[in-house]
Amino acid sequence: MCEVCNSKSVCNTLNESNTMEAQVYNPVNGKEGDRVEFMISTSSLLKITSLLYIFPLIFLLTGSISGYIFFKPPEFYALVLGLSGFLLSYLIIRLISGRMAGSRKFTPEIIRILKP
């Protein structure tokens, strides 16, 4: 996965041994230590990405805009409601991600074992 990534020279995702662990569905009977190719569906990836990036932004903006519309002076309330909305989105994400983690739909799947 990292061999084709444009950010591999600056990425710190991998540990010192250049390995990464992930929980995946294994229909091809890959074994520990095998180099494998895996995939996740585009729709699942878009849902996960939206949940992690767009959802908190919507809550932050909704809170901030609400502070400006409904309160005077608006700056303080916009800040408090924006941060509250962001925190609320984090809590909702925690709840939703727990359900998503158990779903096979959101689990990457090994599609083939690569030659060493």
C-alpha atoms as a PDB file:
ATOM      1  CA  MET A   1       0.000   0.000   0.000  1.00  0.00           C
ATOM      2  CA  CYS A   2       2.778   2.408   0.879  1.00  0.00           C
ATOM      3  CA  GLU A   3       4.849   1.670  -2.220  1.00  0.00           C
ATOM      4  CA  VAL A   4       2.482   3.629  -4.463  1.00  0.00           C
ATOM      5  CA  CYS A   5       1.711   6.447  -2.004  1.00  0.00           C
ATOM      6  CA  ASN A   6       2.947   9.943  -2.850  1.00  0.00           C
ATOM      7  CA  SER A   7       3.473  10.767   0.849  1.00  0.00           C
ATOM      8  CA  LYS A   8       5.550   7.741   1.799  1.00  0.00           C
ATOM      9  CA  SER A   9       8.726   9.777   2.335  1.00  0.00           C
ATOM     10  CA  VAL A  10       7.132  11.992   4.998  1.00  0.00           C
ATOM     11  CA  CYS A  11       4.535   9.628   6.475  1.00  0.00           C
ATOM     12  CA  ASN A  12       4.954   8.328  10.005  1.00  0.00           C
ATOM     13  CA  THR A  13       2.089   5.834   9.887  1.00  0.00           C
ATOM     14  CA  LEU A  14       4.295   2.776   9.819  1.00  0.00           C
ATOM     15  CA  ASN A  15       6.485   1.754  12.726  1.00  0.00           C
ATOM     16  CA  GLU A  16      10.236   1.162  12.507  1.00  0.00           C
ATOM     17  CA  SER A  17       9.822  -2.293  10.961  1.00  0.00           C
ATOM     18  CA  ASN A  18       7.720  -0.932   8.052  1.00  0.00           C
ATOM     19  CA  THR A  19       4.748  -3.090   8.988  1.00  0.00           C
ATOM     20  CA  MET A  20       1.139  -2.200   9.573  1.00  0.00           C
ATOM     21  CA  GLU A  21      -1.562  -4.214  11.290  1.00  0.00           C
ATOM     22  CA  ALA A  22      -5.191  -4.041  10.278  1.00  0.00           C
ATOM     23  CA  GLN A  23      -8.246  -6.157  10.875  1.00  0.00           C
ATOM     24  CA  VAL A  24      -9.398  -7.461   7.504  1.00  0.00           C
ATOM     25  CA  TYR A  25     -11.733 -10.057   6.033  1.00  0.00           C
ATOM     26  CA  ASN A  26      -9.587 -12.938   4.769  1.00  0.00           C
ATOM     27  CA  PRO A  27     -11.384 -15.046   2.108  1.00  0.00           C
ATOM     28  CA  VAL A  28      -8.072 -16.069   0.432  1.00  0.00           C
ATOM     29  CA  ASN A  29      -6.605 -17.623   3.612  1.00  0.00           C
ATOM     30  CA  GLY A  30      -3.649 -15.280   3.911  1.00  0.00           C
ATOM     31  CA  LYS A  31      -1.348 -16.050   6.816  1.00  0.00           C
ATOM     32  CA  GLU A  32       0.517 -13.798   9.211  1.00  0.00           C
ATOM     33  CA  GLY A  33       3.595 -12.378   7.493  1.00  0.00           C
ATOM     34  CA  ASP A  34       2.138 -12.646   3.975  1.00  0.00           C
ATOM     35  CA  ARG A  35       2.202  -9.593   1.769  1.00  0.00           C
ATOM     36  CA  VAL A  36      -1.330  -9.040   0.631  1.00  0.00           C
ATOM     37  CA  GLU A  37      -3.408  -6.702  -1.484  1.00  0.00           C
ATOM     38  CA  PHE A  38      -6.643  -5.569   0.057  1.00  0.00           C
ATOM     39  CA  MET A  39      -9.531  -3.328  -0.882  1.00  0.00           C
ATOM     40  CA  ILE A  40     -12.439  -1.498   0.637  1.00  0.00           C
ATOM     41  CA  SER A  41     -15.457  -0.458  -1.402  1.00  0.00           C
ATOM     42  CA  THR A  42     -15.568   3.127  -2.632  1.00  0.00           C
ATOM     43  CA  SER A  43     -18.972   3.738  -1.078  1.00  0.00           C
ATOM     44  CA  SER A  44     -17.755   2.544   2.334  1.00  0.00           C
ATOM     45  CA  LEU A  45     -14.635   4.670   2.081  1.00  0.00           C
ATOM     46  CA  LEU A  46     -16.703   7.741   1.170  1.00  0.00           C
ATOM     47  CA  LYS A  47     -19.069   7.125   4.093  1.00  0.00           C
ATOM     48  CA  ILE A  48     -16.178   6.778   6.530  1.00  0.00           C
ATOM     49  CA  THR A  49     -14.444   9.872   5.151  1.00  0.00           C
ATOM     50  CA  SER A  50     -17.644  11.907   5.301  1.00  0.00           C
ATOM     51  CA  LEU A  51     -18.257  10.814   8.857  1.00  0.00           C
ATOM     52  CA  LEU A  52     -14.752  11.787   9.965  1.00  0.00           C
ATOM     53  CA  TYR A  53     -14.325  15.058   8.081  1.00  0.00           C
ATOM     54  CA  ILE A  54     -17.603  16.533   6.850  1.00  0.00           C
ATOM     55  CA  PHE A  55     -19.838  15.615   9.795  1.00  0.00           C
ATOM     56  CA  PRO A  56     -17.751  17.533  12.423  1.00  0.00           C
ATOM     57  CA  LEU A  57     -17.445  20.504  10.072  1.00  0.00           C
ATOM     58  CA  ILE A  58     -21.226  20.684   9.670  1.00  0.00           C
ATOM     59  CA  PHE A  59     -21.742  20.588  13.447  1.00  0.00           C
ATOM     60  CA  LEU A  60     -19.044  23.216  14.010  1.00  0.00           C
ATOM     61  CA  LEU A  61     -20.514  25.576  11.425  1.00  0.00           C
ATOM     62  CA  THR A  62     -24.101  24.987  12.576  1.00  0.00           C
ATOM     63  CA  GLY A  63     -23.157  25.817  16.149  1.00  0.00           C
ATOM     64  CA  SER A  64     -21.207  28.908  15.159  1.00  0.00           C
ATOM     65  CA  ILE A  65     -23.905  30.239  12.845  1.00  0.00           C
ATOM     66  CA  SER A  66     -26.543  29.592  15.513  1.00  0.00           C
ATOM     67  CA  GLY A  67     -24.503  31.652  17.971  1.00  0.00           C
ATOM     68  CA  TYR A  68     -24.388  34.561  15.525  1.00  0.00           C
ATOM     69  CA  ILE A  69     -28.089  34.391  14.714  1.00  0.00           C
ATOM     70  CA  PHE A  70     -29.669  33.836  18.121  1.00  0.00           C
ATOM     71  CA  PHE A  71     -27.426  35.609  20.654  1.00  0.00           C
ATOM     72  CA  LYS A  72     -26.036  39.079  21.316  1.00  0.00           C
ATOM     73  CA  PRO A  73     -23.067  39.652  21.507  1.00  0.00           C
ATOM     74  CA  PRO A  74     -22.617  36.847  18.991  1.00  0.00           C
ATOM     75  CA  GLU A  75     -18.858  36.203  19.120  1.00  0.00           C
ATOM     76  CA  PHE A  76     -18.720  34.444  22.484  1.00  0.00           C
ATOM     77  CA  TYR A  77     -21.804  32.328  21.808  1.00  0.00           C
ATOM     78  CA  ALA A  78     -20.637  31.471  18.310  1.00  0.00           C
ATOM     79  CA  LEU A  79     -17.385  30.168  19.800  1.00  0.00           C
ATOM     80  CA  VAL A  80     -19.094  28.202  22.580  1.00  0.00           C
ATOM     81  CA  LEU A  81     -21.809  26.727  20.358  1.00  0.00           C
ATOM     82  CA  GLY A  82     -19.332  25.945  17.568  1.00  0.00           C
ATOM     83  CA  LEU A  83     -17.023  24.068  19.931  1.00  0.00           C
ATOM     84  CA  SER A  84     -20.028  22.371  21.567  1.00  0.00           C
ATOM     85  CA  GLY A  85     -21.249  21.237  18.162  1.00  0.00           C
ATOM     86  CA  PHE A  86     -17.788  19.905  17.352  1.00  0.00           C
ATOM     87  CA  LEU A  87     -17.658  17.995  20.649  1.00  0.00           C
ATOM     88  CA  LEU A  88     -21.150  16.627  20.057  1.00  0.00           C
ATOM     89  CA  SER A  89     -20.108  15.412  16.605  1.00  0.00           C
ATOM     90  CA  TYR A  90     -17.136  13.612  18.182  1.00  0.00           C
ATOM     91  CA  LEU A  91     -19.441  11.807  20.623  1.00  0.00           C
ATOM     92  CA  ILE A  92     -21.833  10.835  17.819  1.00  0.00           C
ATOM     93  CA  ILE A  93     -18.912   9.587  15.712  1.00  0.00           C
ATOM     94  CA  ARG A  94     -17.763   7.406  18.620  1.00  0.00           C
ATOM     95  CA  LEU A  95     -21.236   5.838  18.813  1.00  0.00           C
ATOM     96  CA  ILE A  96     -21.545   5.326  15.061  1.00  0.00           C
ATOM     97  CA  SER A  97     -17.996   4.012  14.621  1.00  0.00           C
ATOM     98  CA  GLY A  98     -18.627   1.318  17.223  1.00  0.00           C
ATOM     99  CA  ARG A  99     -21.479   0.010  15.109  1.00  0.00           C
ATOM    100  CA  MET A 100     -19.495   0.352  11.890  1.00  0.00           C
ATOM    101  CA  ALA A 101     -16.507  -1.552  13.310  1.00  0.00           C
ATOM    102  CA  GLY A 102     -18.560  -4.719  13.627  1.00  0.00           C
ATOM    103  CA  SER A 103     -19.914  -4.501  10.097  1.00  0.00           C
ATOM    104  CA  ARG A 104     -18.272  -6.508   7.337  1.00  0.00           C
ATOM    105  CA  LYS A 105     -19.292  -3.756   4.911  1.00  0.00           C
ATOM    106  CA  PHE A 106     -16.685  -1.427   6.436  1.00  0.00           C
ATOM    107  CA  THR A 107     -13.951  -4.041   6.880  1.00  0.00           C
ATOM    108  CA  PRO A 108     -11.203  -4.182   4.238  1.00  0.00           C
ATOM    109  CA  GLU A 109     -11.006  -7.479   2.333  1.00  0.00           C
ATOM    110  CA  ILE A 110      -7.869  -9.291   1.206  1.00  0.00           C
ATOM    111  CA  ILE A 111      -8.205  -9.874  -2.523  1.00  0.00           C
ATOM    112  CA  ARG A 112      -4.936 -11.660  -3.223  1.00  0.00           C
ATOM    113  CA  ILE A 113      -1.635 -12.761  -1.733  1.00  0.00           C
ATOM    114  CA  LEU A 114       1.390 -11.086  -3.327  1.00  0.00           C
ATOM    115  CA  LYS A 115       4.515 -12.986  -4.305  1.00  0.00           C
ATOM    116  CA  PRO A 116       7.523 -12.310  -2.033  1.00  0.00           C
END
